[in-house]
Amino acid sequence: MLFATVSRGKNVGTRLLPHRFKDNRFHVHLGKDGPYIPISDYRDIPSYLANGYSLQMSNKSEIPNPSLIRPESIRGWKTDFRGTFIAARQIEWGARQRRD
């Protein structure tokens, strides 16, 4: 389960969850001012977080308006470094092949 905790202001300690908008989708942003990408499936959110996208999150009972939360402040997901390592090894192997 993805969540973030408010760290300052009058709602310190409040747990935020991914905000589901009226279109029944979640919104991720690459920057504060940029356009959002609507996501229908909750399970797709971590792949966007791993690529640096921020997520709109809220707590409908205490903080009904969503806030844009950076991936490093969101708990409940992790980056899969194994895929990155394999890709790096393949690039390294390809570069060696071209030198020979």
N, C-alpha and C. Protein backbone atom coordinates (compact mmCIF):
# COMPACT_ATOMS: atom_id res chain seq x y z
N MET A 1 0.84 -1.17 0.00
CA MET A 1 0.00 0.00 0.00
C MET A 1 0.89 1.24 0.00
N LEU A 2 0.64 2.15 -0.92
CA LEU A 2 1.39 3.39 -1.01
C LEU A 2 0.83 4.40 -0.03
N PHE A 3 1.71 5.12 0.69
CA PHE A 3 1.27 6.16 1.60
C PHE A 3 2.40 7.14 1.83
N ALA A 4 2.03 8.33 2.29
CA ALA A 4 2.99 9.36 2.70
C ALA A 4 2.45 9.96 3.99
N THR A 5 3.32 10.56 4.77
CA THR A 5 2.91 11.16 6.03
C THR A 5 3.24 12.65 5.99
N VAL A 6 2.28 13.48 6.36
CA VAL A 6 2.48 14.93 6.39
C VAL A 6 3.54 15.24 7.43
N SER A 7 4.58 16.00 7.04
CA SER A 7 5.69 16.26 7.95
C SER A 7 5.72 17.68 8.50
N ARG A 8 4.86 18.57 8.01
CA ARG A 8 4.83 19.94 8.54
C ARG A 8 3.44 20.55 8.37
N GLY A 9 3.21 21.64 9.10
CA GLY A 9 1.91 22.29 9.04
C GLY A 9 0.97 21.79 10.12
N LYS A 10 -0.29 22.17 10.02
CA LYS A 10 -1.25 21.81 11.07
C LYS A 10 -1.69 20.35 11.03
N ASN A 11 -1.44 19.65 9.94
CA ASN A 11 -1.85 18.25 9.81
C ASN A 11 -0.68 17.27 9.94
N VAL A 12 0.33 17.63 10.71
CA VAL A 12 1.51 16.77 10.88
C VAL A 12 1.07 15.39 11.35
N GLY A 13 1.62 14.37 10.72
CA GLY A 13 1.33 13.00 11.10
C GLY A 13 0.16 12.38 10.35
N THR A 14 -0.57 13.17 9.58
CA THR A 14 -1.70 12.64 8.81
C THR A 14 -1.19 11.78 7.67
N ARG A 15 -1.78 10.63 7.50
CA ARG A 15 -1.37 9.71 6.44
C ARG A 15 -2.13 10.05 5.15
N LEU A 16 -1.37 10.19 4.07
CA LEU A 16 -1.94 10.47 2.76
C LEU A 16 -1.91 9.21 1.90
N LEU A 17 -2.94 9.04 1.10
CA LEU A 17 -3.06 7.91 0.19
C LEU A 17 -3.21 8.43 -1.24
N PRO A 18 -2.95 7.61 -2.24
CA PRO A 18 -3.14 8.07 -3.62
C PRO A 18 -4.58 8.58 -3.81
N HIS A 19 -4.69 9.76 -4.40
CA HIS A 19 -5.99 10.40 -4.58
C HIS A 19 -6.64 9.89 -5.87
N ARG A 20 -7.85 9.36 -5.74
CA ARG A 20 -8.61 8.91 -6.91
C ARG A 20 -9.55 10.06 -7.31
N PHE A 21 -9.36 10.55 -8.53
CA PHE A 21 -10.15 11.68 -9.01
C PHE A 21 -11.51 11.22 -9.50
N LYS A 22 -12.36 12.20 -9.87
CA LYS A 22 -13.72 11.90 -10.30
C LYS A 22 -13.77 10.99 -11.52
N ASP A 23 -12.71 11.04 -12.35
CA ASP A 23 -12.66 10.16 -13.52
C ASP A 23 -12.23 8.74 -13.15
N ASN A 24 -12.13 8.47 -11.83
CA ASN A 24 -11.78 7.15 -11.29
C ASN A 24 -10.34 6.75 -11.61
N ARG A 25 -9.46 7.77 -11.77
CA ARG A 25 -8.06 7.50 -12.06
C ARG A 25 -7.17 8.29 -11.11
N PHE A 26 -5.92 7.85 -11.03
CA PHE A 26 -4.90 8.53 -10.25
C PHE A 26 -4.11 9.42 -11.20
N HIS A 27 -3.47 10.49 -10.68
CA HIS A 27 -2.72 11.39 -11.53
C HIS A 27 -1.26 11.45 -11.07
N VAL A 28 -0.34 11.30 -12.02
CA VAL A 28 1.09 11.49 -11.76
C VAL A 28 1.59 12.64 -12.63
N HIS A 29 2.60 13.37 -12.12
CA HIS A 29 3.17 14.52 -12.81
C HIS A 29 4.68 14.37 -12.84
N LEU A 30 5.30 14.82 -13.93
CA LEU A 30 6.76 14.82 -13.98
C LEU A 30 7.31 16.07 -13.32
N GLY A 31 6.57 17.15 -13.31
CA GLY A 31 6.97 18.39 -12.64
C GLY A 31 5.73 19.05 -12.07
N LYS A 32 5.94 20.11 -11.29
CA LYS A 32 4.80 20.80 -10.69
C LYS A 32 3.86 21.41 -11.73
N ASP A 33 4.42 21.99 -12.76
CA ASP A 33 3.62 22.72 -13.75
C ASP A 33 3.24 21.89 -14.96
N GLY A 34 3.84 20.74 -15.10
CA GLY A 34 3.59 19.92 -16.28
C GLY A 34 2.22 19.27 -16.28
N PRO A 35 1.84 18.73 -17.41
CA PRO A 35 0.55 18.02 -17.49
C PRO A 35 0.62 16.71 -16.70
N TYR A 36 -0.53 16.19 -16.34
CA TYR A 36 -0.58 14.95 -15.59
C TYR A 36 -0.83 13.77 -16.53
N ILE A 37 -0.49 12.60 -16.04
CA ILE A 37 -0.77 11.36 -16.75
C ILE A 37 -1.80 10.62 -15.91
N PRO A 38 -2.97 10.32 -16.47
CA PRO A 38 -3.97 9.57 -15.71
C PRO A 38 -3.64 8.08 -15.69
N ILE A 39 -3.76 7.47 -14.53
CA ILE A 39 -3.46 6.04 -14.38
C ILE A 39 -4.70 5.35 -13.83
N SER A 40 -5.16 4.34 -14.53
CA SER A 40 -6.36 3.61 -14.11
C SER A 40 -6.07 2.53 -13.08
N ASP A 41 -4.93 1.86 -13.22
CA ASP A 41 -4.60 0.72 -12.37
C ASP A 41 -3.61 1.13 -11.28
N TYR A 42 -4.00 0.96 -10.04
CA TYR A 42 -3.18 1.29 -8.87
C TYR A 42 -1.80 0.62 -8.95
N ARG A 43 -1.76 -0.59 -9.50
CA ARG A 43 -0.50 -1.35 -9.56
C ARG A 43 0.53 -0.74 -10.50
N ASP A 44 0.13 0.18 -11.37
CA ASP A 44 1.06 0.83 -12.30
C ASP A 44 1.79 2.02 -11.68
N ILE A 45 1.31 2.51 -10.56
CA ILE A 45 1.89 3.70 -9.95
C ILE A 45 3.38 3.54 -9.62
N PRO A 46 3.84 2.45 -9.00
CA PRO A 46 5.27 2.34 -8.66
C PRO A 46 6.22 2.49 -9.85
N SER A 47 5.82 2.04 -11.04
CA SER A 47 6.72 2.19 -12.19
C SER A 47 6.90 3.66 -12.55
N TYR A 48 5.87 4.47 -12.37
CA TYR A 48 6.01 5.91 -12.61
C TYR A 48 6.85 6.56 -11.52
N LEU A 49 6.66 6.15 -10.27
CA LEU A 49 7.47 6.68 -9.18
C LEU A 49 8.94 6.38 -9.41
N ALA A 50 9.24 5.19 -9.88
CA ALA A 50 10.63 4.79 -10.15
C ALA A 50 11.27 5.65 -11.23
N ASN A 51 10.46 6.24 -12.09
CA ASN A 51 10.97 7.10 -13.16
C ASN A 51 10.90 8.58 -12.80
N GLY A 52 10.66 8.89 -11.52
CA GLY A 52 10.72 10.26 -11.05
C GLY A 52 9.42 11.04 -11.06
N TYR A 53 8.32 10.41 -11.39
CA TYR A 53 7.03 11.10 -11.39
C TYR A 53 6.53 11.28 -9.96
N SER A 54 5.87 12.41 -9.71
CA SER A 54 5.23 12.67 -8.42
C SER A 54 3.77 12.25 -8.50
N LEU A 55 3.17 11.97 -7.35
CA LEU A 55 1.81 11.44 -7.28
C LEU A 55 0.90 12.37 -6.49
N GLN A 56 -0.31 12.58 -6.97
CA GLN A 56 -1.31 13.36 -6.23
C GLN A 56 -1.85 12.47 -5.11
N MET A 57 -1.74 12.96 -3.85
CA MET A 57 -2.17 12.17 -2.70
C MET A 57 -3.03 13.03 -1.78
N SER A 58 -3.93 12.37 -1.03
CA SER A 58 -4.79 13.08 -0.08
C SER A 58 -5.27 12.12 0.99
N ASN A 59 -5.97 12.68 1.97
CA ASN A 59 -6.68 11.92 2.97
C ASN A 59 -8.08 12.51 2.98
N LYS A 60 -9.00 11.87 2.32
CA LYS A 60 -10.31 12.48 2.07
C LYS A 60 -11.04 12.91 3.33
N SER A 61 -10.77 12.29 4.48
CA SER A 61 -11.47 12.68 5.71
C SER A 61 -10.85 13.92 6.36
N GLU A 62 -9.53 14.11 6.23
CA GLU A 62 -8.87 15.24 6.88
C GLU A 62 -8.34 16.29 5.91
N ILE A 63 -7.80 15.86 4.79
CA ILE A 63 -7.23 16.76 3.78
C ILE A 63 -7.83 16.37 2.43
N PRO A 64 -9.00 16.93 2.08
CA PRO A 64 -9.68 16.48 0.87
C PRO A 64 -9.01 16.91 -0.44
N ASN A 65 -8.27 18.03 -0.42
CA ASN A 65 -7.60 18.47 -1.64
C ASN A 65 -6.28 17.74 -1.81
N PRO A 66 -6.01 17.19 -3.00
CA PRO A 66 -4.77 16.43 -3.19
C PRO A 66 -3.54 17.32 -3.22
N SER A 67 -2.43 16.77 -2.77
CA SER A 67 -1.13 17.42 -2.82
C SER A 67 -0.21 16.58 -3.70
N LEU A 68 0.70 17.25 -4.38
CA LEU A 68 1.66 16.55 -5.23
C LEU A 68 2.83 16.10 -4.36
N ILE A 69 3.05 14.80 -4.27
CA ILE A 69 4.08 14.23 -3.39
C ILE A 69 5.19 13.60 -4.22
N ARG A 70 6.43 13.95 -3.91
CA ARG A 70 7.59 13.41 -4.63
C ARG A 70 7.79 11.93 -4.29
N PRO A 71 8.36 11.16 -5.21
CA PRO A 71 8.52 9.70 -4.98
C PRO A 71 9.35 9.35 -3.76
N GLU A 72 10.35 10.17 -3.42
CA GLU A 72 11.19 9.84 -2.26
C GLU A 72 10.45 10.02 -0.93
N SER A 73 9.30 10.69 -0.95
CA SER A 73 8.49 10.86 0.26
C SER A 73 7.38 9.82 0.38
N ILE A 74 7.25 8.97 -0.61
CA ILE A 74 6.18 7.96 -0.63
C ILE A 74 6.74 6.63 -0.15
N ARG A 75 6.04 6.00 0.75
CA ARG A 75 6.44 4.70 1.31
C ARG A 75 5.58 3.59 0.70
N GLY A 76 6.06 2.37 0.78
CA GLY A 76 5.27 1.23 0.33
C GLY A 76 5.62 0.75 -1.06
N TRP A 77 6.74 1.23 -1.61
CA TRP A 77 7.20 0.76 -2.92
C TRP A 77 8.72 0.78 -2.90
N LYS A 78 9.32 0.08 -3.84
CA LYS A 78 10.78 0.11 -3.94
C LYS A 78 11.18 -0.03 -5.40
N THR A 79 12.35 0.45 -5.70
CA THR A 79 12.90 0.33 -7.05
C THR A 79 13.53 -1.03 -7.20
N ASP A 80 13.31 -1.65 -8.33
CA ASP A 80 13.93 -2.95 -8.62
C ASP A 80 15.27 -2.69 -9.28
N PHE A 81 16.35 -2.80 -8.51
CA PHE A 81 17.68 -2.53 -9.04
C PHE A 81 18.22 -3.67 -9.89
N ARG A 82 17.63 -4.85 -9.77
CA ARG A 82 18.14 -5.98 -10.56
C ARG A 82 18.01 -5.72 -12.05
N GLY A 83 16.89 -5.17 -12.48
CA GLY A 83 16.70 -4.87 -13.90
C GLY A 83 17.70 -3.85 -14.40
N THR A 84 18.00 -2.84 -13.57
CA THR A 84 18.98 -1.83 -13.94
C THR A 84 20.35 -2.46 -14.08
N PHE A 85 20.71 -3.36 -13.17
CA PHE A 85 22.01 -4.02 -13.21
C PHE A 85 22.15 -4.87 -14.46
N ILE A 86 21.12 -5.61 -14.80
CA ILE A 86 21.17 -6.46 -15.99
C ILE A 86 21.34 -5.61 -17.24
N ALA A 87 20.58 -4.52 -17.33
CA ALA A 87 20.68 -3.65 -18.50
C ALA A 87 22.08 -3.05 -18.60
N ALA A 88 22.66 -2.64 -17.48
CA ALA A 88 24.01 -2.06 -17.48
C ALA A 88 25.03 -3.10 -17.93
N ARG A 89 24.89 -4.33 -17.49
CA ARG A 89 25.82 -5.39 -17.89
C ARG A 89 25.71 -5.68 -19.39
N GLN A 90 24.49 -5.64 -19.93
CA GLN A 90 24.31 -5.87 -21.36
C GLN A 90 24.94 -4.75 -22.17
N ILE A 91 24.82 -3.51 -21.72
CA ILE A 91 25.44 -2.37 -22.42
C ILE A 91 26.95 -2.52 -22.38
N GLU A 92 27.48 -2.88 -21.21
CA GLU A 92 28.92 -3.06 -21.05
C GLU A 92 29.41 -4.18 -21.98
N TRP A 93 28.68 -5.28 -22.05
CA TRP A 93 29.05 -6.40 -22.90
C TRP A 93 29.03 -5.97 -24.37
N GLY A 94 28.01 -5.20 -24.78
CA GLY A 94 27.90 -4.73 -26.15
C GLY A 94 29.06 -3.81 -26.53
N ALA A 95 29.48 -2.96 -25.59
CA ALA A 95 30.60 -2.05 -25.85
C ALA A 95 31.89 -2.84 -26.01
N ARG A 96 32.06 -3.89 -25.22
CA ARG A 96 33.25 -4.74 -25.34
C ARG A 96 33.30 -5.44 -26.69
N GLN A 97 32.14 -5.90 -27.15
CA GLN A 97 32.06 -6.61 -28.43
C GLN A 97 32.47 -5.69 -29.57
N ARG A 98 32.08 -4.42 -29.51
CA ARG A 98 32.42 -3.47 -30.58
C ARG A 98 33.89 -3.14 -30.60
N ARG A 99 34.55 -3.14 -29.42
CA ARG A 99 35.98 -2.84 -29.35
C ARG A 99 36.81 -3.96 -29.95
N ASP A 100 36.34 -5.18 -29.83
CA ASP A 100 37.13 -6.36 -30.29
C ASP A 100 37.08 -6.56 -31.76
